[in-house]
Amino acid sequence: MSHRKPQCGFTLLEVLVALVLVGLSMTTLVIAFVASGQFGVLGRRQATALMLARSQASSMIHAPYADPRLANPNAANDATFADANALFAKSTLPTGGDAPDVILANVTVGSETYEEYVNVATDPVGAAAGSESGLFFAVIVRYKVGGRYMRAVAIGYHYNPPVIGLGNNVVPLPL
């Protein structure tokens, strides 16, 4: 009687099934890697836009009260000055009553362009221009990622120095 050793190894079918499974999992990993890269770009662009908005808002808080960036020529947008309806994230800029109060120069960081806008709303305390307690403002930075517009918003407040008893001094007060 002869004893034969059992055959060890894989059949062609088992190898093909294993290759298909490895191929599917690698495809999934590549897709996940590409998607994470896109989210990284989106996060970097959003962080840059927010930094630009905050920087501009900080400089406006310390600017003279009559600074042109604090002009409010479009009082129709005062109720929605901070872009609550995300109109600046659309492909065309808001117009009419939703148009920005001030259009600032574009900022280029690396090869990316950021558009800066300011909306101003008069503080309802104090009735006439010049007698209001201060101005609310929103710096809106708009940028494009792929074919979509995105935006970052920084909100600030500028006290009216003579009305709050500081004469004409530009002394920022904490909120």
C-alpha atoms as a PDB file:
ATOM      1  CA  MET A   1       0.000   0.000   0.000  1.00  0.00           C
ATOM      2  CA  SER A   2       1.383   3.312  -0.899  1.00  0.00           C
ATOM      3  CA  HIS A   3       0.754   6.414   1.119  1.00  0.00           C
ATOM      4  CA  ARG A   4       0.528   9.626  -0.783  1.00  0.00           C
ATOM      5  CA  LYS A   5       1.123  12.987   0.749  1.00  0.00           C
ATOM      6  CA  PRO A   6      -1.787  15.399   0.443  1.00  0.00           C
ATOM      7  CA  GLN A   7      -1.241  18.142  -2.126  1.00  0.00           C
ATOM      8  CA  CYS A   8      -0.413  21.564  -0.592  1.00  0.00           C
ATOM      9  CA  GLY A   9      -0.970  24.877  -2.346  1.00  0.00           C
ATOM     10  CA  PHE A  10      -3.689  26.938  -3.946  1.00  0.00           C
ATOM     11  CA  THR A  11      -5.843  26.304  -6.931  1.00  0.00           C
ATOM     12  CA  LEU A  12      -6.027  28.772  -9.778  1.00  0.00           C
ATOM     13  CA  LEU A  13      -9.567  29.707  -8.735  1.00  0.00           C
ATOM     14  CA  GLU A  14      -8.444  30.539  -5.187  1.00  0.00           C
ATOM     15  CA  VAL A  15      -5.625  32.728  -6.489  1.00  0.00           C
ATOM     16  CA  LEU A  16      -8.003  34.601  -8.827  1.00  0.00           C
ATOM     17  CA  VAL A  17     -10.517  35.230  -6.020  1.00  0.00           C
ATOM     18  CA  ALA A  18      -7.715  36.524  -3.773  1.00  0.00           C
ATOM     19  CA  LEU A  19      -6.463  38.846  -6.539  1.00  0.00           C
ATOM     20  CA  VAL A  20      -9.961  40.256  -7.108  1.00  0.00           C
ATOM     21  CA  LEU A  21     -10.366  40.929  -3.372  1.00  0.00           C
ATOM     22  CA  VAL A  22      -6.951  42.610  -3.156  1.00  0.00           C
ATOM     23  CA  GLY A  23      -7.753  44.684  -6.260  1.00  0.00           C
ATOM     24  CA  LEU A  24     -11.070  45.888  -4.815  1.00  0.00           C
ATOM     25  CA  SER A  25      -9.540  46.803  -1.482  1.00  0.00           C
ATOM     26  CA  MET A  26      -6.669  48.668  -3.169  1.00  0.00           C
ATOM     27  CA  THR A  27      -9.127  50.585  -5.343  1.00  0.00           C
ATOM     28  CA  THR A  28     -11.051  51.590  -2.221  1.00  0.00           C
ATOM     29  CA  LEU A  29      -7.832  52.737  -0.545  1.00  0.00           C
ATOM     30  CA  VAL A  30      -6.824  54.824  -3.559  1.00  0.00           C
ATOM     31  CA  ILE A  31     -10.260  56.479  -3.672  1.00  0.00           C
ATOM     32  CA  ALA A  32     -10.076  57.225   0.066  1.00  0.00           C
ATOM     33  CA  PHE A  33      -6.567  58.652  -0.340  1.00  0.00           C
ATOM     34  CA  VAL A  34      -7.638  60.967  -3.177  1.00  0.00           C
ATOM     35  CA  ALA A  35     -10.724  62.095  -1.230  1.00  0.00           C
ATOM     36  CA  SER A  36      -8.655  62.863   1.872  1.00  0.00           C
ATOM     37  CA  GLY A  37      -6.323  64.967  -0.266  1.00  0.00           C
ATOM     38  CA  GLN A  38      -9.278  66.965  -1.551  1.00  0.00           C
ATOM     39  CA  PHE A  39     -10.557  67.503   1.990  1.00  0.00           C
ATOM     40  CA  GLY A  40      -7.076  68.661   2.967  1.00  0.00           C
ATOM     41  CA  VAL A  41      -7.125  71.287   0.205  1.00  0.00           C
ATOM     42  CA  LEU A  42     -10.606  72.384   1.241  1.00  0.00           C
ATOM     43  CA  GLY A  43      -9.545  72.663   4.892  1.00  0.00           C
ATOM     44  CA  ARG A  44      -6.420  74.646   4.022  1.00  0.00           C
ATOM     45  CA  ARG A  45      -8.371  77.047   1.805  1.00  0.00           C
ATOM     46  CA  GLN A  46     -11.035  77.546   4.509  1.00  0.00           C
ATOM     47  CA  ALA A  47      -8.385  78.177   7.170  1.00  0.00           C
ATOM     48  CA  THR A  48      -6.633  80.721   4.919  1.00  0.00           C
ATOM     49  CA  ALA A  49      -9.912  82.507   4.139  1.00  0.00           C
ATOM     50  CA  LEU A  50     -10.840  82.693   7.816  1.00  0.00           C
ATOM     51  CA  MET A  51      -7.379  84.005   8.712  1.00  0.00           C
ATOM     52  CA  LEU A  52      -7.718  86.736   6.069  1.00  0.00           C
ATOM     53  CA  ALA A  53     -11.208  87.663   7.315  1.00  0.00           C
ATOM     54  CA  ARG A  54     -10.085  87.837  10.950  1.00  0.00           C
ATOM     55  CA  SER A  55      -7.007  89.858  10.045  1.00  0.00           C
ATOM     56  CA  GLN A  56      -9.086  92.400   8.123  1.00  0.00           C
ATOM     57  CA  ALA A  57     -11.666  92.557  10.950  1.00  0.00           C
ATOM     58  CA  SER A  58      -8.916  93.163  13.499  1.00  0.00           C
ATOM     59  CA  SER A  59      -7.489  96.041  11.479  1.00  0.00           C
ATOM     60  CA  MET A  60     -10.975  97.551  11.094  1.00  0.00           C
ATOM     61  CA  ILE A  61     -11.602  97.478  14.862  1.00  0.00           C
ATOM     62  CA  HIS A  62      -8.469  99.601  15.330  1.00  0.00           C
ATOM     63  CA  ALA A  63      -9.129 101.939  12.374  1.00  0.00           C
ATOM     64  CA  PRO A  64     -10.609 105.422  12.728  1.00  0.00           C
ATOM     65  CA  TYR A  65     -14.390 105.428  12.946  1.00  0.00           C
ATOM     66  CA  ALA A  66     -14.619 107.233   9.589  1.00  0.00           C
ATOM     67  CA  ASP A  67     -12.488 104.590   7.815  1.00  0.00           C
ATOM     68  CA  PRO A  68     -13.927 103.979   4.306  1.00  0.00           C
ATOM     69  CA  ARG A  69     -14.096 100.226   5.008  1.00  0.00           C
ATOM     70  CA  LEU A  70     -16.769 101.044   7.615  1.00  0.00           C
ATOM     71  CA  ALA A  71     -19.038 102.843   5.148  1.00  0.00           C
ATOM     72  CA  ASN A  72     -22.643 101.670   4.985  1.00  0.00           C
ATOM     73  CA  PRO A  73     -23.948 102.783   1.568  1.00  0.00           C
ATOM     74  CA  ASN A  74     -26.404  99.860   1.341  1.00  0.00           C
ATOM     75  CA  ALA A  75     -28.580  99.977   4.462  1.00  0.00           C
ATOM     76  CA  ALA A  76     -30.900  97.415   2.835  1.00  0.00           C
ATOM     77  CA  ASN A  77     -28.476  94.626   3.794  1.00  0.00           C
ATOM     78  CA  ASP A  78     -28.226  95.642   7.460  1.00  0.00           C
ATOM     79  CA  ALA A  79     -30.542  92.854   8.679  1.00  0.00           C
ATOM     80  CA  THR A  80     -28.434  90.190   6.936  1.00  0.00           C
ATOM     81  CA  PHE A  81     -25.010  91.898   7.017  1.00  0.00           C
ATOM     82  CA  ALA A  82     -23.235  88.675   8.075  1.00  0.00           C
ATOM     83  CA  ASP A  83     -24.460  86.764   4.986  1.00  0.00           C
ATOM     84  CA  ALA A  84     -26.844  84.499   6.884  1.00  0.00           C
ATOM     85  CA  ASN A  85     -28.306  83.213   3.599  1.00  0.00           C
ATOM     86  CA  ALA A  86     -24.873  82.318   2.145  1.00  0.00           C
ATOM     87  CA  LEU A  87     -25.411  84.564  -0.880  1.00  0.00           C
ATOM     88  CA  PHE A  88     -21.643  85.108  -1.207  1.00  0.00           C
ATOM     89  CA  ALA A  89     -21.197  81.351  -1.736  1.00  0.00           C
ATOM     90  CA  LYS A  90     -23.143  81.527  -5.006  1.00  0.00           C
ATOM     91  CA  SER A  91     -21.479  81.908  -8.392  1.00  0.00           C
ATOM     92  CA  THR A  92     -22.576  85.534  -8.787  1.00  0.00           C
ATOM     93  CA  LEU A  93     -22.166  88.250  -6.201  1.00  0.00           C
ATOM     94  CA  PRO A  94     -25.300  89.474  -4.437  1.00  0.00           C
ATOM     95  CA  THR A  95     -26.825  92.566  -5.999  1.00  0.00           C
ATOM     96  CA  GLY A  96     -29.409  95.180  -5.083  1.00  0.00           C
ATOM     97  CA  GLY A  97     -30.349  95.163  -1.420  1.00  0.00           C
ATOM     98  CA  ASP A  98     -27.991  92.247  -0.765  1.00  0.00           C
ATOM     99  CA  ALA A  99     -24.950  93.814  -2.455  1.00  0.00           C
ATOM    100  CA  PRO A 100     -21.844  94.293  -0.298  1.00  0.00           C
ATOM    101  CA  ASP A 101     -21.233  97.691   1.278  1.00  0.00           C
ATOM    102  CA  VAL A 102     -17.512  97.728   0.479  1.00  0.00           C
ATOM    103  CA  ILE A 103     -15.484  95.733  -2.047  1.00  0.00           C
ATOM    104  CA  LEU A 104     -11.844  95.363  -1.030  1.00  0.00           C
ATOM    105  CA  ALA A 105      -8.933  94.346  -3.227  1.00  0.00           C
ATOM    106  CA  ASN A 106      -8.459  90.652  -3.946  1.00  0.00           C
ATOM    107  CA  VAL A 107      -5.744  88.894  -1.959  1.00  0.00           C
ATOM    108  CA  THR A 108      -3.494  86.277  -3.543  1.00  0.00           C
ATOM    109  CA  VAL A 109      -1.927  83.635  -1.324  1.00  0.00           C
ATOM    110  CA  GLY A 110       0.374  81.405  -3.341  1.00  0.00           C
ATOM    111  CA  SER A 111      -1.573  80.742  -6.528  1.00  0.00           C
ATOM    112  CA  GLU A 112      -5.003  81.116  -4.891  1.00  0.00           C
ATOM    113  CA  THR A 113      -7.160  84.238  -5.035  1.00  0.00           C
ATOM    114  CA  TYR A 114      -9.472  85.376  -2.254  1.00  0.00           C
ATOM    115  CA  GLU A 115     -12.096  88.096  -2.717  1.00  0.00           C
ATOM    116  CA  GLU A 116     -12.781  90.356   0.291  1.00  0.00           C
ATOM    117  CA  TYR A 117     -16.035  92.194   0.983  1.00  0.00           C
ATOM    118  CA  VAL A 118     -17.391  94.142   3.939  1.00  0.00           C
ATOM    119  CA  ASN A 119     -20.989  94.546   5.050  1.00  0.00           C
ATOM    120  CA  VAL A 120     -21.775  97.128   7.706  1.00  0.00           C
ATOM    121  CA  ALA A 121     -24.851  97.564   9.893  1.00  0.00           C
ATOM    122  CA  THR A 122     -25.486 100.532  12.147  1.00  0.00           C
ATOM    123  CA  ASP A 123     -25.968  99.678  15.802  1.00  0.00           C
ATOM    124  CA  PRO A 124     -29.631 100.440  16.464  1.00  0.00           C
ATOM    125  CA  VAL A 125     -28.696 102.309  19.660  1.00  0.00           C
ATOM    126  CA  GLY A 126     -28.620 105.959  18.564  1.00  0.00           C
ATOM    127  CA  ALA A 127     -30.864 107.213  15.805  1.00  0.00           C
ATOM    128  CA  ALA A 128     -28.878 109.420  13.479  1.00  0.00           C
ATOM    129  CA  ALA A 129     -25.650 108.783  11.614  1.00  0.00           C
ATOM    130  CA  GLY A 130     -22.808 109.900  13.819  1.00  0.00           C
ATOM    131  CA  SER A 131     -24.821 109.444  17.022  1.00  0.00           C
ATOM    132  CA  GLU A 132     -24.971 105.656  16.901  1.00  0.00           C
ATOM    133  CA  SER A 133     -23.041 103.699  19.542  1.00  0.00           C
ATOM    134  CA  GLY A 134     -21.085 101.888  16.865  1.00  0.00           C
ATOM    135  CA  LEU A 135     -21.116  99.741  13.775  1.00  0.00           C
ATOM    136  CA  PHE A 136     -21.447  96.015  13.345  1.00  0.00           C
ATOM    137  CA  PHE A 137     -19.470  94.694  10.405  1.00  0.00           C
ATOM    138  CA  ALA A 138     -18.799  91.411   8.675  1.00  0.00           C
ATOM    139  CA  VAL A 139     -15.717  90.720   6.586  1.00  0.00           C
ATOM    140  CA  ILE A 140     -16.653  88.128   3.986  1.00  0.00           C
ATOM    141  CA  VAL A 141     -13.850  86.337   2.169  1.00  0.00           C
ATOM    142  CA  ARG A 142     -14.978  84.445  -0.898  1.00  0.00           C
ATOM    143  CA  TYR A 143     -12.919  81.856  -2.750  1.00  0.00           C
ATOM    144  CA  LYS A 144     -13.364  79.134  -5.307  1.00  0.00           C
ATOM    145  CA  VAL A 145     -12.660  75.433  -4.832  1.00  0.00           C
ATOM    146  CA  GLY A 146     -13.167  73.447  -7.996  1.00  0.00           C
ATOM    147  CA  GLY A 147     -16.304  74.892  -9.547  1.00  0.00           C
ATOM    148  CA  ARG A 148     -17.901  75.980  -6.256  1.00  0.00           C
ATOM    149  CA  TYR A 149     -17.642  79.221  -4.344  1.00  0.00           C
ATOM    150  CA  MET A 150     -17.130  79.087  -0.595  1.00  0.00           C
ATOM    151  CA  ARG A 151     -16.888  81.855   1.960  1.00  0.00           C
ATOM    152  CA  ALA A 152     -15.563  82.619   5.423  1.00  0.00           C
ATOM    153  CA  VAL A 153     -17.053  85.345   7.617  1.00  0.00           C
ATOM    154  CA  ALA A 154     -15.544  87.275  10.534  1.00  0.00           C
ATOM    155  CA  ILE A 155     -17.823  89.574  12.507  1.00  0.00           C
ATOM    156  CA  GLY A 156     -16.698  92.643  14.421  1.00  0.00           C
ATOM    157  CA  TYR A 157     -17.934  95.766  16.150  1.00  0.00           C
ATOM    158  CA  HIS A 158     -16.438  99.260  16.071  1.00  0.00           C
ATOM    159  CA  TYR A 159     -17.453 101.609  18.879  1.00  0.00           C
ATOM    160  CA  ASN A 160     -18.203 105.253  18.029  1.00  0.00           C
ATOM    161  CA  PRO A 161     -15.651 106.956  20.339  1.00  0.00           C
ATOM    162  CA  PRO A 162     -17.403 110.345  20.900  1.00  0.00           C
ATOM    163  CA  VAL A 163     -20.769 108.753  21.648  1.00  0.00           C
ATOM    164  CA  ILE A 164     -19.430 106.349  24.253  1.00  0.00           C
ATOM    165  CA  GLY A 165     -17.418 109.126  25.926  1.00  0.00           C
ATOM    166  CA  LEU A 166     -13.924 108.675  24.505  1.00  0.00           C
ATOM    167  CA  GLY A 167     -13.777 111.878  22.494  1.00  0.00           C
ATOM    168  CA  ASN A 168     -12.251 111.179  19.098  1.00  0.00           C
ATOM    169  CA  ASN A 169      -9.773 108.629  20.419  1.00  0.00           C
ATOM    170  CA  VAL A 170      -9.702 105.294  18.675  1.00  0.00           C
ATOM    171  CA  VAL A 171      -9.541 103.023  21.690  1.00  0.00           C
ATOM    172  CA  PRO A 172     -10.920  99.559  21.009  1.00  0.00           C
ATOM    173  CA  LEU A 173     -13.070  98.252  23.805  1.00  0.00           C
ATOM    174  CA  PRO A 174     -13.654  94.564  24.462  1.00  0.00           C
ATOM    175  CA  LEU A 175     -16.980  93.129  23.436  1.00  0.00           C
END
